[in-house]
Amino acid sequence: MIEIIPPMPEVAPTETVVDMVRRSARAAPDKEALVCGGTRLTWAAFDKRVNRVANALIARGVQTGDRVALLGPNSVAYAELFIGTLRAGACIVPLATMASAEALERMLTDSGAKVFALAGAYRDLAAPFLDRLDARKIALDFAAPGFEGYEDMLAGESDTDPMIPVKLTDPVNLIYSSGTTGTPKGILHNHWMRAAQMDRVHANGYDAPDARTLLSTPLYSNTTIVSFLPTLVGGGTVVLMEKFDARGYLKLVEREKITHTMLVPVQYKRIMDVPDFDSFDLSSMRVKFSTSAPLRADVKLDVLARFPGKLIEYYGLTEGGGVTVLPAHEFPEKLHTVGRPAPNCEIVLIDDAGEPVAPGAVGEICGRSPTMMAGYFGRDDLTADYIWRDADGKVFFRSGDMGRFDEDGFLILSDRKKDMIISGGLNIYADDLERALLADPDVTDAAVIGVPSEQWGETPLGLVVRREGAARTAEEICAQANSKLGKSQRLSGVELRDVLPRSSIGKILKRELRAPYWADATP
């Protein structure tokens, strides 16, 4: 495996997140640790159930570094399994519920998961591959042949901490980023990386005695994990939404006296558009975070004007590396940017030849920081493609995004070099959608671009050229492609074209295709 040596933070980690969460449980056993739906667990109760999970996994043969996969919505059991897996010395593989069955099977096979935990809501999604899956199966909230019930599994286990030694070089999680086709890309984070992220605990007030974090994005997303773990490490309370809805979110903030939250841009827009937004008491809120896609300047302005508390935007990648931070409340004149590099983070903009660009020029964003993935799981070739080295040989991660720094050192994003669409905070790879379109015998050429969407920020649109003589409609072609795609990937529509513009070397000119749709969009 390619060795990636991140730069040292100001204070190097000396203990893992497992150690830190264990200490939180001992510090305030009677304080609430987890709230979800009608369930409320104190730190003492949460800690004991996490111990039962860890002991159950160990009793079923899970060893240090083994992978435990999980497919389900946010729940108490999900949080317990997440932390219990780490306490057993194993690696959690949180699977995207929006992926297709085909993609999920490839991810499970690629990860070599020893255990697969499944929620009832996704039994139909997993059904096509369950008989082929070589893993112990755990049913979180249902009973079925071939599955062991979650509560039954815990019932016979000790609630004493197994105290499995965990090293900073051991894996924490494996997060997959691939779509329905191609090779799965498992992003491997180790304990060093996650421990280095805990420098934000005190800086952002996660360790305040009354800190309560509301999380409404799924726990399989790194967006959620980067607030979930700091809250637990800080000894705070995690309030999980099983499924996001804007008005329900506002009710929870008011009722639970929420102090912290992480949201993606589309959620901010929906929340701010709630007709009676101003009737809710949101005065408890101290810090709101935004990540996964750029938050539009006009939405930032609205949030600053009407939603109490600080607003902090992060730009970065699940793989780690380059990170910028924009405290929007401190820099209202920089809302069109994503901020400046985080402490101990280096960002270099490079041209197509891999050379640093001149000051003020646009280039591909490459970054390095103490929080960098260990690599793509089992794929040194993909990891090598992701790396750029400077003249001193230091490893930077290539983001595939384009941007430039203004005169004050704030990063302004421009076009994306890699062909990815961010819809509702989720990454959609256009290549996957194009493959689905091109599999249609009536389609001879296809391109998928992101176009503005009031609901999702942007949404994928297919532009296709039909074979001569084909009479099927754009709607029929769209439906056929969507039948092969995961729920989160589906095309919002298809438009017919006579020809797609291409460069002299045959590349489709997507910037040209996108331009008319974005010409009148709010930046």
Protein backbone atom coordinates (compact mmCIF):
# COMPACT_ATOMS: atom_id res chain seq x y z
CA MET A 1 0.00 0.00 0.00
CA ILE A 2 1.25 3.49 -0.83
CA GLU A 3 2.40 5.22 2.33
CA ILE A 4 0.85 8.66 2.79
CA ILE A 5 2.60 10.73 5.43
CA PRO A 6 0.46 13.74 6.37
CA PRO A 7 1.99 16.88 7.87
CA MET A 8 2.06 17.10 11.65
CA PRO A 9 -0.63 19.19 13.36
CA GLU A 10 0.37 21.63 16.08
CA VAL A 11 -0.46 18.93 18.64
CA ALA A 12 0.04 15.40 17.33
CA PRO A 13 -2.61 12.80 18.31
CA THR A 14 -1.58 10.47 21.09
CA GLU A 15 -4.83 8.58 21.58
CA THR A 16 -7.57 7.29 19.33
CA VAL A 17 -11.19 8.35 19.05
CA VAL A 18 -12.02 5.10 20.87
CA ASP A 19 -10.02 6.30 23.89
CA MET A 20 -11.59 9.75 23.74
CA VAL A 21 -15.19 8.50 23.58
CA ARG A 22 -14.49 6.04 26.41
CA ARG A 23 -13.33 8.97 28.54
CA SER A 24 -16.47 10.96 27.74
CA ALA A 25 -18.65 8.11 29.02
CA ARG A 26 -16.76 7.98 32.29
CA ALA A 27 -16.83 11.75 32.77
CA ALA A 28 -20.60 12.27 32.77
CA PRO A 29 -22.48 8.95 32.96
CA ASP A 30 -25.85 10.53 33.73
CA LYS A 31 -25.76 13.02 30.86
CA GLU A 32 -27.60 12.26 27.63
CA ALA A 33 -25.38 10.84 24.90
CA LEU A 34 -27.87 9.95 22.19
CA VAL A 35 -31.41 10.96 21.23
CA CYS A 36 -33.25 9.49 18.25
CA GLY A 37 -36.99 9.33 17.79
CA GLY A 38 -38.46 8.34 21.14
CA THR A 39 -35.24 6.82 22.48
CA ARG A 40 -32.95 8.69 24.86
CA LEU A 41 -29.74 7.10 26.16
CA THR A 42 -27.50 8.43 28.90
CA TRP A 43 -23.78 8.11 28.48
CA ALA A 44 -23.77 5.20 30.96
CA ALA A 45 -26.48 3.35 29.01
CA PHE A 46 -24.92 4.13 25.64
CA ASP A 47 -21.49 2.99 26.85
CA LYS A 48 -22.83 -0.34 28.10
CA ARG A 49 -24.66 -1.04 24.86
CA VAL A 50 -21.54 -0.13 22.86
CA ASN A 51 -19.61 -2.63 25.00
CA ARG A 52 -22.21 -5.32 24.25
CA VAL A 53 -21.84 -4.61 20.54
CA ALA A 54 -18.05 -4.86 20.74
CA ASN A 55 -18.16 -8.10 22.74
CA ALA A 56 -20.77 -9.59 20.40
CA LEU A 57 -18.63 -8.85 17.35
CA ILE A 58 -15.53 -10.28 18.99
CA ALA A 59 -17.46 -13.43 19.99
CA ARG A 60 -18.48 -13.85 16.35
CA GLY A 61 -14.90 -13.83 15.14
CA VAL A 62 -14.35 -10.17 14.33
CA GLN A 63 -10.70 -9.26 14.83
CA THR A 64 -8.64 -6.08 14.66
CA GLY A 65 -8.94 -4.49 11.24
CA ASP A 66 -11.87 -6.64 10.07
CA ARG A 67 -14.69 -4.81 8.30
CA VAL A 68 -18.25 -4.54 9.60
CA ALA A 69 -20.71 -3.24 7.00
CA LEU A 70 -23.98 -1.48 7.79
CA LEU A 71 -26.96 -0.54 5.61
CA GLY A 72 -29.74 1.41 7.26
CA PRO A 73 -31.17 4.81 8.16
CA ASN A 74 -30.02 6.89 11.11
CA SER A 75 -30.97 5.08 14.32
CA VAL A 76 -29.80 4.32 17.84
CA ALA A 77 -28.61 0.90 16.65
CA TYR A 78 -26.60 2.53 13.84
CA ALA A 79 -24.76 4.78 16.32
CA GLU A 80 -24.15 1.87 18.70
CA LEU A 81 -22.79 -0.34 15.92
CA PHE A 82 -20.58 2.44 14.63
CA ILE A 83 -18.85 3.03 17.95
CA GLY A 84 -19.04 -0.62 19.03
CA THR A 85 -17.24 -1.71 15.87
CA LEU A 86 -14.40 0.70 16.63
CA ARG A 87 -14.26 -0.48 20.24
CA ALA A 88 -13.86 -4.05 18.97
CA GLY A 89 -10.82 -2.86 17.00
CA ALA A 90 -12.63 -3.29 13.69
CA CYS A 91 -13.40 -0.98 10.76
CA ILE A 92 -16.93 0.29 10.05
CA VAL A 93 -18.17 0.24 6.43
CA PRO A 94 -21.24 2.52 6.31
CA LEU A 95 -23.03 1.84 3.04
CA ALA A 96 -25.03 4.41 1.10
CA THR A 97 -28.74 3.63 1.19
CA MET A 98 -29.15 5.46 -2.13
CA ALA A 99 -26.84 3.09 -4.03
CA SER A 100 -28.15 0.38 -6.34
CA ALA A 101 -28.15 -3.28 -5.33
CA GLU A 102 -25.42 -3.98 -7.90
CA ALA A 103 -23.18 -1.27 -6.46
CA LEU A 104 -23.78 -2.41 -2.88
CA GLU A 105 -22.82 -5.97 -3.70
CA ARG A 106 -19.57 -4.79 -5.28
CA MET A 107 -18.80 -2.67 -2.23
CA LEU A 108 -19.44 -5.57 0.15
CA THR A 109 -17.31 -7.89 -1.95
CA ASP A 110 -14.52 -5.34 -2.27
CA SER A 111 -14.46 -4.63 1.47
CA GLY A 112 -14.47 -8.32 2.45
CA ALA A 113 -16.89 -7.47 5.25
CA LYS A 114 -17.09 -10.18 7.89
CA VAL A 115 -20.43 -8.88 9.22
CA PHE A 116 -23.32 -7.22 7.38
CA ALA A 117 -25.96 -5.43 9.47
CA LEU A 118 -29.19 -4.56 7.66
CA ALA A 119 -32.25 -2.48 8.56
CA GLY A 120 -35.69 -3.65 7.51
CA ALA A 121 -36.31 -0.57 5.38
CA TYR A 122 -33.64 -1.79 2.94
CA ARG A 123 -34.37 -5.53 2.82
CA ASP A 124 -35.77 -5.26 -0.72
CA LEU A 125 -32.71 -3.31 -1.87
CA ALA A 126 -30.35 -5.96 -0.48
CA ALA A 127 -32.45 -8.95 -1.53
CA PRO A 128 -30.78 -9.55 -4.93
CA PHE A 129 -27.38 -10.32 -3.41
CA LEU A 130 -28.06 -11.67 0.10
CA ASP A 131 -27.76 -15.34 -0.91
CA ARG A 132 -24.36 -14.67 -2.48
CA LEU A 133 -23.00 -12.69 0.47
CA ASP A 134 -20.28 -14.41 2.47
CA ALA A 135 -20.75 -12.55 5.75
CA ARG A 136 -22.59 -13.03 9.02
CA LYS A 137 -25.93 -11.24 8.70
CA ILE A 138 -27.44 -9.12 11.47
CA ALA A 139 -31.06 -7.89 11.32
CA LEU A 140 -31.35 -4.55 13.07
CA ASP A 141 -35.14 -4.40 13.36
CA PHE A 142 -36.71 -7.46 11.73
CA ALA A 143 -36.69 -11.26 11.89
CA ALA A 144 -35.80 -13.47 8.93
CA PRO A 145 -34.09 -16.81 8.24
CA GLY A 146 -30.34 -16.48 7.92
CA PHE A 147 -30.22 -13.36 10.10
CA GLU A 148 -29.38 -12.94 13.76
CA GLY A 149 -31.51 -10.34 15.51
CA TYR A 150 -29.61 -7.31 16.80
CA GLU A 151 -31.14 -7.32 20.28
CA ASP A 152 -30.78 -11.10 20.51
CA MET A 153 -27.10 -10.70 19.65
CA LEU A 154 -26.60 -8.18 22.44
CA ALA A 155 -28.66 -9.98 25.07
CA GLY A 156 -26.07 -12.61 25.93
CA GLU A 157 -23.02 -10.35 25.92
CA SER A 158 -21.16 -8.60 28.71
CA ASP A 159 -21.51 -4.84 29.08
CA THR A 160 -17.89 -4.60 30.26
CA ASP A 161 -15.42 -2.81 27.98
CA PRO A 162 -13.28 -5.43 26.17
CA MET A 163 -10.36 -2.94 26.12
CA ILE A 164 -9.08 -4.10 22.75
CA PRO A 165 -5.84 -2.24 21.95
CA VAL A 166 -6.30 0.13 19.01
CA LYS A 167 -3.37 1.84 17.27
CA LEU A 168 -3.39 5.15 15.47
CA THR A 169 -2.47 3.32 12.26
CA ASP A 170 -5.49 0.99 12.50
CA PRO A 171 -8.47 1.63 10.19
CA VAL A 172 -11.56 3.48 11.41
CA ASN A 173 -13.89 3.50 8.42
CA LEU A 174 -14.16 2.58 4.77
CA ILE A 175 -16.43 4.94 2.82
CA TYR A 176 -17.30 4.08 -0.77
CA SER A 177 -17.65 6.80 -3.38
CA SER A 178 -18.43 4.85 -6.54
CA GLY A 179 -21.73 4.79 -8.40
CA THR A 180 -23.49 1.89 -10.08
CA THR A 181 -20.77 1.01 -12.57
CA GLY A 182 -17.02 0.64 -12.56
CA THR A 183 -14.68 -0.27 -9.74
CA PRO A 184 -15.69 0.64 -6.18
CA LYS A 185 -13.46 3.26 -4.57
CA GLY A 186 -13.19 2.63 -0.84
CA ILE A 187 -11.80 5.64 1.00
CA LEU A 188 -9.88 4.32 4.00
CA HIS A 189 -9.48 6.54 7.06
CA ASN A 190 -7.29 5.48 9.95
CA HIS A 191 -7.35 6.49 13.61
CA TRP A 192 -4.62 9.09 13.08
CA MET A 193 -6.80 10.92 10.59
CA ARG A 194 -9.91 10.90 12.76
CA ALA A 195 -7.93 11.81 15.89
CA ALA A 196 -6.33 14.75 14.06
CA GLN A 197 -9.83 16.04 13.25
CA MET A 198 -10.59 16.29 16.95
CA ASP A 199 -8.71 19.58 17.15
CA ARG A 200 -12.09 21.10 16.26
CA VAL A 201 -13.75 19.81 19.44
CA HIS A 202 -12.73 22.68 21.72
CA ALA A 203 -12.37 25.25 18.95
CA ASN A 204 -16.01 24.79 17.94
CA GLY A 205 -17.44 24.30 21.43
CA TYR A 206 -18.37 20.62 21.10
CA ASP A 207 -17.05 20.16 24.65
CA ALA A 208 -19.36 22.76 26.25
CA PRO A 209 -21.35 21.23 29.14
CA ASP A 210 -24.64 21.75 27.27
CA ALA A 211 -23.46 20.99 23.72
CA ARG A 212 -26.19 19.25 21.71
CA THR A 213 -25.65 18.46 18.01
CA LEU A 214 -28.52 17.83 15.60
CA LEU A 215 -27.55 15.59 12.68
CA SER A 216 -30.03 15.14 9.84
CA THR A 217 -27.75 13.82 7.10
CA PRO A 218 -27.11 10.04 6.97
CA LEU A 219 -24.41 8.47 9.11
CA TYR A 220 -22.93 6.77 6.06
CA SER A 221 -21.75 10.20 4.90
CA ASN A 222 -18.47 11.76 5.94
CA THR A 223 -20.43 15.02 6.21
CA THR A 224 -22.24 13.55 9.22
CA ILE A 225 -19.28 11.70 10.72
CA VAL A 226 -17.19 14.89 11.01
CA SER A 227 -19.77 16.25 13.48
CA PHE A 228 -20.89 12.94 15.02
CA LEU A 229 -17.44 11.97 16.33
CA PRO A 230 -16.44 15.42 17.70
CA THR A 231 -19.73 15.64 19.61
CA LEU A 232 -19.10 12.28 21.29
CA VAL A 233 -15.45 13.07 21.91
CA GLY A 234 -16.51 16.36 23.51
CA GLY A 235 -18.93 14.54 25.77
CA GLY A 236 -21.95 16.21 24.18
CA THR A 237 -25.33 14.89 23.07
CA VAL A 238 -26.04 13.65 19.54
CA VAL A 239 -29.62 14.14 18.35
CA LEU A 240 -30.24 12.07 15.21
CA MET A 241 -33.01 12.66 12.69
CA GLU A 242 -34.09 9.41 11.07
CA LYS A 243 -35.23 11.29 7.97
CA PHE A 244 -34.85 14.99 7.25
CA ASP A 245 -37.75 17.35 6.77
CA ALA A 246 -37.32 21.09 7.15
CA ARG A 247 -40.17 21.82 9.55
CA GLY A 248 -39.39 18.77 11.67
CA TYR A 249 -35.80 19.94 11.86
CA LEU A 250 -36.87 23.35 13.21
CA LYS A 251 -39.13 21.68 15.78
CA LEU A 252 -36.20 19.58 17.01
CA VAL A 253 -33.89 22.60 17.31
CA GLU A 254 -36.49 24.33 19.45
CA ARG A 255 -37.47 21.33 21.58
CA GLU A 256 -33.99 19.87 22.14
CA LYS A 257 -32.21 23.22 22.63
CA ILE A 258 -29.74 22.38 19.86
CA THR A 259 -26.41 24.22 19.96
CA HIS A 260 -24.61 22.69 16.93
CA THR A 261 -25.63 21.31 13.55
CA MET A 262 -24.19 20.15 10.25
CA LEU A 263 -26.25 20.69 7.11
CA VAL A 264 -25.70 20.50 3.37
CA PRO A 265 -26.68 23.46 1.15
CA VAL A 266 -29.97 22.04 -0.10
CA GLN A 267 -31.10 21.59 3.51
CA TYR A 268 -30.29 25.20 4.36
CA LYS A 269 -32.40 26.34 1.41
CA ARG A 270 -35.37 24.19 2.43
CA ILE A 271 -35.14 25.29 6.07
CA MET A 272 -34.97 28.97 5.21
CA ASP A 273 -37.97 28.55 2.89
CA VAL A 274 -40.26 27.20 5.64
CA PRO A 275 -43.11 29.76 5.64
CA ASP A 276 -43.22 30.19 9.43
CA PHE A 277 -39.45 29.89 9.96
CA ASP A 278 -39.41 33.03 12.11
CA SER A 279 -41.95 31.58 14.55
CA PHE A 280 -39.49 28.99 15.90
CA ASP A 281 -37.27 29.67 18.90
CA LEU A 282 -33.78 28.93 17.57
CA SER A 283 -31.92 31.01 20.14
CA SER A 284 -30.02 27.99 21.52
CA MET A 285 -28.09 27.56 18.26
CA ARG A 286 -24.41 28.56 18.51
CA VAL A 287 -22.64 27.07 15.49
CA LYS A 288 -23.99 25.87 12.15
CA PHE A 289 -21.72 24.08 9.69
CA SER A 290 -22.12 23.58 5.94
CA THR A 291 -20.20 21.26 3.65
CA SER A 292 -20.38 18.75 0.76
CA ALA A 293 -21.15 21.45 -1.86
CA PRO A 294 -20.73 25.22 -2.12
CA LEU A 295 -23.43 27.13 -0.24
CA ARG A 296 -24.81 29.87 -2.47
CA ALA A 297 -23.96 33.40 -1.39
CA ASP A 298 -27.60 34.50 -1.25
CA VAL A 299 -28.49 31.57 1.01
CA LYS A 300 -25.54 32.36 3.30
CA LEU A 301 -26.78 35.92 3.55
CA ASP A 302 -30.27 34.77 4.49
CA VAL A 303 -28.92 32.34 7.11
CA LEU A 304 -26.77 35.06 8.65
CA ALA A 305 -29.72 37.43 8.80
CA ARG A 306 -32.34 35.11 10.28
CA PHE A 307 -30.80 31.95 11.76
CA PRO A 308 -29.06 32.55 15.13
CA GLY A 309 -25.48 31.44 15.71
CA LYS A 310 -22.28 31.35 13.72
CA LEU A 311 -22.16 29.96 10.18
CA ILE A 312 -19.02 28.06 9.19
CA GLU A 313 -18.55 26.58 5.72
CA TYR A 314 -16.03 23.83 5.03
CA TYR A 315 -14.67 23.00 1.61
CA GLY A 316 -12.91 19.66 1.38
CA LEU A 317 -13.14 16.07 0.20
CA THR A 318 -13.97 12.79 1.89
CA GLU A 319 -10.43 11.72 1.00
CA GLY A 320 -9.10 14.65 3.03
CA GLY A 321 -6.17 16.85 2.10
CA GLY A 322 -7.04 20.40 1.14
CA VAL A 323 -9.50 22.05 3.51
CA THR A 324 -10.72 25.63 3.57
CA VAL A 325 -12.87 27.28 6.21
CA LEU A 326 -15.15 30.28 5.86
CA PRO A 327 -16.53 31.77 9.10
CA ALA A 328 -19.28 33.54 7.16
CA HIS A 329 -20.35 35.60 10.17
CA GLU A 330 -16.86 37.12 10.32
CA PHE A 331 -16.46 37.76 6.59
CA PRO A 332 -19.83 38.81 5.12
CA GLU A 333 -17.99 40.36 2.18
CA LYS A 334 -16.51 36.94 1.24
CA LEU A 335 -19.69 34.92 0.90
CA HIS A 336 -18.84 34.13 -2.73
CA THR A 337 -15.78 32.18 -1.52
CA VAL A 338 -15.24 29.00 0.49
CA GLY A 339 -12.75 30.61 2.84
CA ARG A 340 -9.06 30.27 3.52
CA PRO A 341 -6.93 27.15 4.13
CA ALA A 342 -7.47 25.57 7.53
CA PRO A 343 -4.60 25.57 10.06
CA ASN A 344 -1.73 23.23 9.09
CA CYS A 345 -3.24 22.86 5.63
CA GLU A 346 -1.39 23.60 2.39
CA ILE A 347 -3.17 24.22 -0.90
CA VAL A 348 -1.47 24.53 -4.28
CA LEU A 349 -3.24 25.28 -7.57
CA ILE A 350 -1.74 23.52 -10.57
CA ASP A 351 -2.16 23.66 -14.35
CA ASP A 352 -2.66 20.76 -16.76
CA ALA A 353 1.08 20.14 -16.80
CA GLY A 354 1.16 19.76 -13.02
CA GLU A 355 2.93 23.07 -12.43
CA PRO A 356 1.80 25.67 -9.86
CA VAL A 357 -0.16 28.49 -11.48
CA ALA A 358 0.59 32.20 -11.12
CA PRO A 359 -1.04 34.12 -8.23
CA GLY A 360 -4.68 34.86 -9.04
CA ALA A 361 -4.86 32.30 -11.85
CA VAL A 362 -7.28 29.36 -11.95
CA GLY A 363 -5.86 25.91 -11.33
CA GLU A 364 -6.74 22.48 -10.04
CA ILE A 365 -6.94 22.48 -6.24
CA CYS A 366 -4.40 20.18 -4.58
CA GLY A 367 -4.09 19.98 -0.82
CA ARG A 368 -2.40 18.34 2.11
CA SER A 369 -3.20 18.45 5.81
CA PRO A 370 -2.99 16.30 8.93
CA THR A 371 -6.35 14.78 7.89
CA MET A 372 -5.63 12.66 4.81
CA MET A 373 -6.99 9.24 3.90
CA ALA A 374 -4.71 6.24 4.19
CA GLY A 375 -5.55 5.50 0.54
CA TYR A 376 -8.14 3.80 -1.63
CA PHE A 377 -8.69 0.36 -0.10
CA GLY A 378 -6.75 -2.27 -2.02
CA ARG A 379 -6.21 0.08 -4.97
CA ASP A 380 -2.72 1.55 -5.02
CA ASP A 381 -3.26 2.41 -8.69
CA LEU A 382 -6.20 4.70 -7.88
CA THR A 383 -4.35 6.17 -4.92
CA ALA A 384 -1.32 6.95 -7.10
CA ASP A 385 -3.54 8.71 -9.65
CA TYR A 386 -4.93 10.89 -6.86
CA ILE A 387 -1.51 12.13 -5.69
CA TRP A 388 0.45 15.19 -6.80
CA ARG A 389 3.92 15.80 -5.36
CA ASP A 390 5.59 19.15 -5.06
CA ALA A 391 9.28 19.85 -5.73
CA ASP A 392 10.16 18.54 -2.27
CA GLY A 393 8.27 15.30 -2.80
CA LYS A 394 5.45 16.12 -0.38
CA VAL A 395 2.17 14.35 -1.08
CA PHE A 396 -0.85 16.45 -2.04
CA PHE A 397 -4.29 15.14 -3.01
CA ARG A 398 -5.72 16.30 -6.33
CA SER A 399 -9.30 17.45 -5.85
CA GLY A 400 -10.42 17.58 -9.46
CA ASP A 401 -11.94 20.97 -8.62
CA MET A 402 -10.82 24.24 -10.15
CA GLY A 403 -10.40 27.50 -8.30
CA ARG A 404 -8.38 30.61 -7.67
CA PHE A 405 -7.30 32.60 -4.64
CA ASP A 406 -8.34 36.23 -4.33
CA GLU A 407 -6.00 38.95 -3.11
CA ASP A 408 -6.83 38.10 0.53
CA GLY A 409 -6.15 34.40 0.22
CA PHE A 410 -9.81 33.28 0.02
CA LEU A 411 -10.54 30.41 -2.36
CA ILE A 412 -13.10 30.97 -5.13
CA LEU A 413 -14.34 27.79 -6.79
CA SER A 414 -14.86 27.74 -10.54
CA ASP A 415 -15.55 24.87 -12.91
CA ARG A 416 -14.96 21.28 -11.78
CA LYS A 417 -12.23 19.47 -13.59
CA LYS A 418 -13.55 16.06 -12.71
CA ASP A 419 -16.95 15.37 -14.14
CA MET A 420 -19.06 15.20 -11.00
CA ILE A 421 -22.47 16.59 -10.11
CA ILE A 422 -23.36 17.44 -6.49
CA SER A 423 -27.10 17.07 -5.99
CA GLY A 424 -28.58 17.50 -2.51
CA GLY A 425 -25.10 17.10 -1.04
CA LEU A 426 -24.53 13.75 -2.77
CA ASN A 427 -21.86 13.13 -5.40
CA ILE A 428 -23.15 11.89 -8.76
CA TYR A 429 -20.61 10.79 -11.35
CA ALA A 430 -21.79 11.73 -14.83
CA ASP A 431 -19.90 8.81 -16.36
CA ASP A 432 -22.18 6.32 -14.58
CA LEU A 433 -25.28 8.02 -15.99
CA GLU A 434 -23.78 8.28 -19.46
CA ARG A 435 -23.07 4.56 -19.47
CA ALA A 436 -26.71 3.88 -18.65
CA LEU A 437 -27.84 6.13 -21.52
CA LEU A 438 -25.37 4.69 -24.02
CA ALA A 439 -26.55 1.17 -23.18
CA ASP A 440 -29.81 2.10 -24.89
CA PRO A 441 -29.72 0.84 -28.52
CA ASP A 442 -31.52 4.00 -29.65
CA VAL A 443 -28.79 6.29 -28.27
CA THR A 444 -25.63 6.97 -30.27
CA ASP A 445 -24.12 9.76 -28.21
CA ALA A 446 -24.75 11.08 -24.70
CA ALA A 447 -23.54 13.62 -22.18
CA VAL A 448 -24.77 14.29 -18.66
CA ILE A 449 -24.38 17.71 -17.08
CA GLY A 450 -25.45 19.35 -13.85
CA VAL A 451 -28.12 22.02 -14.25
CA PRO A 452 -29.58 24.36 -11.61
CA SER A 453 -32.28 22.96 -9.33
CA GLU A 454 -34.22 24.91 -6.73
CA GLN A 455 -34.76 21.71 -4.76
CA TRP A 456 -31.35 20.01 -5.04
CA GLY A 457 -28.89 22.81 -5.86
CA GLU A 458 -28.10 21.05 -9.12
CA THR A 459 -29.49 17.98 -10.82
CA PRO A 460 -28.29 15.70 -13.66
CA LEU A 461 -29.68 16.27 -17.16
CA GLY A 462 -29.00 13.92 -20.05
CA LEU A 463 -28.34 15.26 -23.54
CA VAL A 464 -28.60 12.50 -26.15
CA VAL A 465 -28.31 11.93 -29.87
CA ARG A 466 -30.65 9.21 -31.13
CA ARG A 467 -29.73 6.71 -33.81
CA GLU A 468 -31.10 7.51 -37.25
CA GLY A 469 -34.68 6.34 -37.55
CA ALA A 470 -35.28 5.98 -33.80
CA ALA A 471 -38.68 7.31 -32.73
CA ARG A 472 -38.62 6.85 -28.95
CA THR A 473 -39.16 10.02 -26.95
CA ALA A 474 -36.76 11.71 -24.56
CA GLU A 475 -39.04 10.68 -21.68
CA GLU A 476 -38.88 7.01 -22.69
CA ILE A 477 -35.09 7.10 -22.98
CA CYS A 478 -34.86 8.78 -19.57
CA ALA A 479 -37.09 6.17 -17.93
CA GLN A 480 -35.04 3.33 -19.42
CA ALA A 481 -31.77 4.78 -18.09
CA ASN A 482 -33.22 5.54 -14.65
CA SER A 483 -34.35 1.93 -14.28
CA LYS A 484 -30.66 0.97 -14.20
CA LEU A 485 -29.51 3.65 -11.78
CA GLY A 486 -29.53 4.06 -8.02
CA LYS A 487 -32.22 6.30 -6.55
CA SER A 488 -29.81 9.16 -5.84
CA GLN A 489 -28.37 9.07 -9.36
CA ARG A 490 -31.45 9.29 -11.52
CA LEU A 491 -31.67 11.77 -14.34
CA SER A 492 -34.08 14.65 -13.87
CA GLY A 493 -34.71 14.61 -17.61
CA VAL A 494 -33.36 13.98 -21.07
CA GLU A 495 -33.16 16.39 -24.00
CA LEU A 496 -32.64 15.35 -27.62
CA ARG A 497 -29.84 16.90 -29.67
CA ASP A 498 -28.78 16.54 -33.28
CA VAL A 499 -25.11 16.56 -32.32
CA LEU A 500 -22.95 17.14 -29.23
CA PRO A 501 -20.08 19.65 -29.46
CA ARG A 502 -16.63 18.10 -29.30
CA SER A 503 -13.07 19.35 -29.20
CA SER A 504 -10.49 18.63 -31.86
CA ILE A 505 -9.43 15.52 -29.97
CA GLY A 506 -12.98 14.27 -29.58
CA LYS A 507 -13.84 15.34 -26.05
CA ILE A 508 -17.38 16.53 -25.45
CA LEU A 509 -17.33 20.23 -24.56
CA LYS A 510 -19.39 20.10 -21.40
CA ARG A 511 -18.65 23.65 -20.35
CA GLU A 512 -20.29 24.75 -23.58
CA LEU A 513 -23.28 22.51 -22.90
CA ARG A 514 -23.68 23.79 -19.33
CA ALA A 515 -23.35 27.49 -20.10
CA PRO A 516 -26.95 28.22 -21.23
CA TYR A 517 -28.43 26.58 -18.14
CA TRP A 518 -26.22 28.45 -15.67
CA ALA A 519 -26.21 31.84 -17.41
CA ASP A 520 -29.06 33.19 -15.29
CA ALA A 521 -28.37 31.15 -12.13
CA THR A 522 -27.63 32.97 -8.88
CA PRO A 523 -23.93 32.52 -8.01
